[in-house]
Amino acid sequence: MAKTADRISRRYSSPIREEQAQLTRGRILEAAAGLFVERGYRAVTMEDIAAQAGVAPQTVYATFGTKLAVAQKIIWTSFETEGIPDLLVQARGSGELSDLLDVGAHVARRLNERFAVIAQFMRESGDPALLAEYQKIEHLRFEQIEREAGPALRGSRRLRRDLKPHDALTTVWALTGTDLYYQLVIRRRWTPSRYELWLRDMLRLTLLSPAVKK
């Protein structure tokens, strides 16, 4: 009976320990992200992160190993936004290029709300590994736009006749990036919703033939 009770206890305590570990990781990442944005990547130490998160430095080292690993985890988890795949499927199903552009503006807003300030500290870090990570993200972002919007842009009669599909993809990539969001929302204090409406209009104006603009 004692052995059975011990097995049951271990079975239930394991999920609890994992939940506590997840909460601790979340606190560390949140603390680190705030410090990186506020002070810059180079100025922050693992001890600073531990103090801000309210944990022992050993916990930060045991969980992530290095400051670069902390930063990389922050970067990639910032893209974990629910509902975006469903929005893209819905937009593709409509068959309207304008609908796909509108969804693109909304997706850009939601991603940039989480990632724009992180991208800024990456660019300003001076760390070769983080700069390389930023370039990788920008490359992957273009590939994602090409997968989602490329077929619609190449097959639509609604694209401006003087605009090649590849140039249209490059335009979407440039307009939806973190730079413009950071300048407009962080620097000029636009609301994210104002940014989204502006981006939607800019995408339509830049890419769609005047005869089909809504």
Protein backbone atom coordinates (compact mmCIF):
# COMPACT_ATOMS: atom_id res chain seq x y z
CA MET A 1 0.00 0.00 0.00
CA ALA A 2 2.81 2.41 0.87
CA LYS A 3 4.52 1.80 -2.48
CA THR A 4 1.26 2.34 -4.34
CA ALA A 5 0.62 5.62 -2.51
CA ASP A 6 4.17 6.73 -3.29
CA ARG A 7 3.69 6.02 -7.02
CA ILE A 8 0.41 7.98 -7.04
CA SER A 9 2.09 10.87 -5.22
CA ARG A 10 4.91 10.98 -7.78
CA ARG A 11 2.41 10.80 -10.65
CA TYR A 12 0.53 13.85 -9.39
CA SER A 13 3.56 15.83 -8.24
CA SER A 14 5.28 15.59 -11.64
CA PRO A 15 2.70 17.79 -13.47
CA ILE A 16 2.79 20.24 -10.57
CA ARG A 17 6.57 20.50 -10.75
CA GLU A 18 6.41 20.98 -14.52
CA GLU A 19 3.79 23.73 -14.12
CA GLN A 20 5.98 25.47 -11.54
CA ALA A 21 8.98 25.17 -13.86
CA GLN A 22 6.98 26.71 -16.72
CA LEU A 23 5.94 29.61 -14.50
CA THR A 24 9.54 30.16 -13.46
CA ARG A 25 10.69 30.14 -17.10
CA GLY A 26 7.98 32.65 -17.94
CA ARG A 27 9.04 34.98 -15.11
CA ILE A 28 12.67 34.80 -16.20
CA LEU A 29 11.83 35.55 -19.83
CA GLU A 30 9.53 38.42 -18.93
CA ALA A 31 12.16 39.91 -16.62
CA ALA A 32 14.93 39.51 -19.20
CA ALA A 33 12.87 41.03 -22.01
CA GLY A 34 12.11 44.10 -19.93
CA LEU A 35 15.76 44.54 -18.96
CA PHE A 36 17.04 44.04 -22.52
CA VAL A 37 14.66 46.69 -23.82
CA GLU A 38 15.37 49.11 -20.97
CA ARG A 39 19.16 48.77 -20.63
CA GLY A 40 20.31 47.11 -23.83
CA TYR A 41 21.45 43.53 -24.26
CA ARG A 42 25.13 44.02 -23.42
CA ALA A 43 24.48 45.84 -20.13
CA VAL A 44 22.32 43.08 -18.65
CA THR A 45 23.84 40.17 -16.73
CA MET A 46 22.34 36.83 -15.76
CA GLU A 47 22.42 38.05 -12.16
CA ASP A 48 20.37 41.10 -13.16
CA ILE A 49 17.80 38.83 -14.78
CA ALA A 50 17.64 36.63 -11.68
CA ALA A 51 17.13 39.61 -9.38
CA GLN A 52 14.40 41.05 -11.60
CA ALA A 53 12.65 37.67 -11.81
CA GLY A 54 12.96 37.04 -8.08
CA VAL A 55 14.90 33.80 -8.45
CA ALA A 56 18.42 32.64 -7.65
CA PRO A 57 21.08 33.14 -10.36
CA GLN A 58 21.63 29.38 -10.33
CA THR A 59 18.02 28.94 -11.42
CA VAL A 60 18.55 31.14 -14.48
CA TYR A 61 21.74 29.30 -15.41
CA ALA A 62 20.14 25.88 -14.85
CA THR A 63 17.09 26.81 -16.92
CA PHE A 64 18.76 28.49 -19.91
CA GLY A 65 22.52 28.16 -19.59
CA THR A 66 23.55 31.44 -21.22
CA LYS A 67 22.27 34.96 -21.75
CA LEU A 68 22.17 34.32 -25.49
CA ALA A 69 19.88 31.33 -24.92
CA VAL A 70 17.57 33.54 -22.83
CA ALA A 71 17.45 36.12 -25.63
CA GLN A 72 16.83 33.49 -28.30
CA LYS A 73 13.94 32.02 -26.31
CA ILE A 74 12.39 35.48 -25.93
CA ILE A 75 12.74 36.07 -29.66
CA TRP A 76 11.09 32.87 -30.85
CA THR A 77 8.31 32.75 -28.25
CA SER A 78 7.26 36.26 -29.34
CA PHE A 79 5.90 34.67 -32.55
CA GLU A 80 3.60 32.26 -30.71
CA THR A 81 0.38 34.15 -31.39
CA GLU A 82 -2.89 32.19 -31.38
CA GLY A 83 -5.43 32.37 -34.19
CA ILE A 84 -3.17 33.61 -36.98
CA PRO A 85 -3.15 30.38 -39.05
CA ASP A 86 -6.97 30.32 -39.02
CA LEU A 87 -7.11 33.92 -40.23
CA LEU A 88 -4.78 33.13 -43.12
CA VAL A 89 -6.80 30.08 -44.15
CA GLN A 90 -9.99 32.16 -44.11
CA ALA A 91 -8.39 34.91 -46.22
CA ARG A 92 -7.06 32.44 -48.79
CA GLY A 93 -10.49 30.85 -49.03
CA SER A 94 -12.17 34.13 -49.93
CA GLY A 95 -10.17 34.42 -53.15
CA GLU A 96 -9.97 38.20 -52.76
CA LEU A 97 -6.51 39.74 -52.79
CA SER A 98 -7.81 42.71 -50.81
CA ASP A 99 -9.00 40.35 -48.05
CA LEU A 100 -5.56 38.72 -47.90
CA LEU A 101 -3.91 42.14 -47.62
CA ASP A 102 -6.30 43.15 -44.83
CA VAL A 103 -5.48 39.97 -42.91
CA GLY A 104 -1.80 40.65 -43.53
CA ALA A 105 -2.16 44.06 -41.90
CA HIS A 106 -3.87 42.51 -38.88
CA VAL A 107 -1.27 39.74 -38.56
CA ALA A 108 1.54 42.31 -38.80
CA ARG A 109 -0.03 44.34 -36.01
CA ARG A 110 -0.40 41.35 -33.70
CA LEU A 111 3.12 40.09 -34.30
CA ASN A 112 4.72 43.53 -34.06
CA GLU A 113 2.93 44.28 -30.80
CA ARG A 114 5.06 41.51 -29.30
CA PHE A 115 8.18 41.56 -31.44
CA ALA A 116 8.98 45.17 -32.45
CA VAL A 117 10.73 46.18 -29.22
CA ILE A 118 12.55 42.84 -29.15
CA ALA A 119 13.79 43.38 -32.70
CA GLN A 120 15.02 46.79 -31.64
CA PHE A 121 17.21 45.43 -28.84
CA MET A 122 18.50 42.78 -31.23
CA ARG A 123 19.58 45.41 -33.76
CA GLU A 124 21.13 47.60 -31.08
CA SER A 125 22.82 44.76 -29.19
CA GLY A 126 26.04 44.75 -31.20
CA ASP A 127 26.15 41.01 -30.55
CA PRO A 128 27.02 39.06 -33.74
CA ALA A 129 24.89 36.07 -32.72
CA LEU A 130 21.80 38.21 -32.11
CA LEU A 131 22.33 40.18 -35.30
CA ALA A 132 22.60 36.91 -37.22
CA GLU A 133 19.39 35.74 -35.52
CA TYR A 134 17.66 38.94 -36.62
CA GLN A 135 18.76 38.41 -40.23
CA LYS A 136 17.49 34.83 -40.05
CA ILE A 137 14.10 36.04 -38.83
CA GLU A 138 13.83 38.59 -41.63
CA HIS A 139 14.69 35.91 -44.18
CA LEU A 140 12.11 33.53 -42.73
CA ARG A 141 9.53 36.32 -42.67
CA PHE A 142 9.98 36.91 -46.40
CA GLU A 143 9.66 33.17 -47.05
CA GLN A 144 6.44 33.08 -45.01
CA ILE A 145 4.98 36.02 -46.93
CA GLU A 146 5.93 34.32 -50.19
CA ARG A 147 4.15 31.11 -49.13
CA GLU A 148 1.01 32.87 -47.96
CA ALA A 149 0.67 35.70 -50.48
CA GLY A 150 2.81 34.64 -53.44
CA PRO A 151 0.20 32.51 -55.25
CA ALA A 152 -2.48 35.17 -54.83
CA LEU A 153 -0.21 37.95 -56.07
CA ARG A 154 0.98 35.96 -59.07
CA GLY A 155 -2.49 34.77 -60.03
CA SER A 156 -4.54 37.90 -59.40
CA ARG A 157 -5.64 40.38 -62.05
CA ARG A 158 -6.08 42.87 -59.24
CA LEU A 159 -2.37 43.46 -58.78
CA ARG A 160 -1.16 46.67 -60.37
CA ARG A 161 -0.07 45.92 -63.93
CA ASP A 162 3.18 47.86 -63.56
CA LEU A 163 4.19 45.85 -60.48
CA LYS A 164 5.93 42.50 -60.73
CA PRO A 165 4.81 39.83 -58.21
CA HIS A 166 8.28 39.59 -56.66
CA ASP A 167 8.38 43.35 -56.17
CA ALA A 168 4.91 43.17 -54.63
CA LEU A 169 6.13 40.54 -52.16
CA THR A 170 9.12 42.70 -51.29
CA THR A 171 6.76 45.64 -50.72
CA VAL A 172 4.60 43.60 -48.33
CA TRP A 173 7.72 42.41 -46.50
CA ALA A 174 9.01 45.98 -46.10
CA LEU A 175 5.72 47.56 -45.02
CA THR A 176 4.85 44.85 -42.49
CA GLY A 177 8.27 44.77 -40.81
CA THR A 178 9.16 45.92 -37.32
CA ASP A 179 10.87 49.16 -38.40
CA LEU A 180 7.71 51.01 -39.43
CA TYR A 181 5.75 49.69 -36.46
CA TYR A 182 8.45 50.83 -34.07
CA GLN A 183 8.65 54.28 -35.64
CA LEU A 184 4.89 54.85 -35.73
CA VAL A 185 3.70 53.14 -32.53
CA ILE A 186 6.68 53.42 -30.20
CA ARG A 187 8.23 56.66 -31.46
CA ARG A 188 5.19 58.58 -32.68
CA ARG A 189 2.78 57.02 -30.16
CA TRP A 190 0.20 55.78 -32.61
CA THR A 191 -2.16 53.15 -31.25
CA PRO A 192 -1.73 49.65 -32.67
CA SER A 193 -5.23 49.87 -34.19
CA ARG A 194 -4.33 53.12 -35.97
CA TYR A 195 -1.18 51.42 -37.30
CA GLU A 196 -3.23 48.49 -38.58
CA LEU A 197 -5.67 50.75 -40.44
CA TRP A 198 -2.80 52.75 -41.93
CA LEU A 199 -1.00 49.59 -43.01
CA ARG A 200 -4.17 48.14 -44.55
CA ASP A 201 -4.68 51.31 -46.61
CA MET A 202 -1.01 51.46 -47.62
CA LEU A 203 -1.03 47.84 -48.82
CA ARG A 204 -4.17 48.40 -50.87
CA LEU A 205 -2.96 51.70 -52.30
CA THR A 206 0.48 50.36 -53.17
CA LEU A 207 -0.47 46.97 -54.59
CA LEU A 208 -4.00 47.07 -55.96
CA SER A 209 -5.09 48.44 -59.28
CA PRO A 210 -7.23 51.61 -58.82
CA ALA A 211 -10.20 49.89 -60.45
CA VAL A 212 -10.48 47.32 -57.64
CA LYS A 213 -9.58 49.31 -54.55
CA LYS A 214 -12.25 49.15 -51.88
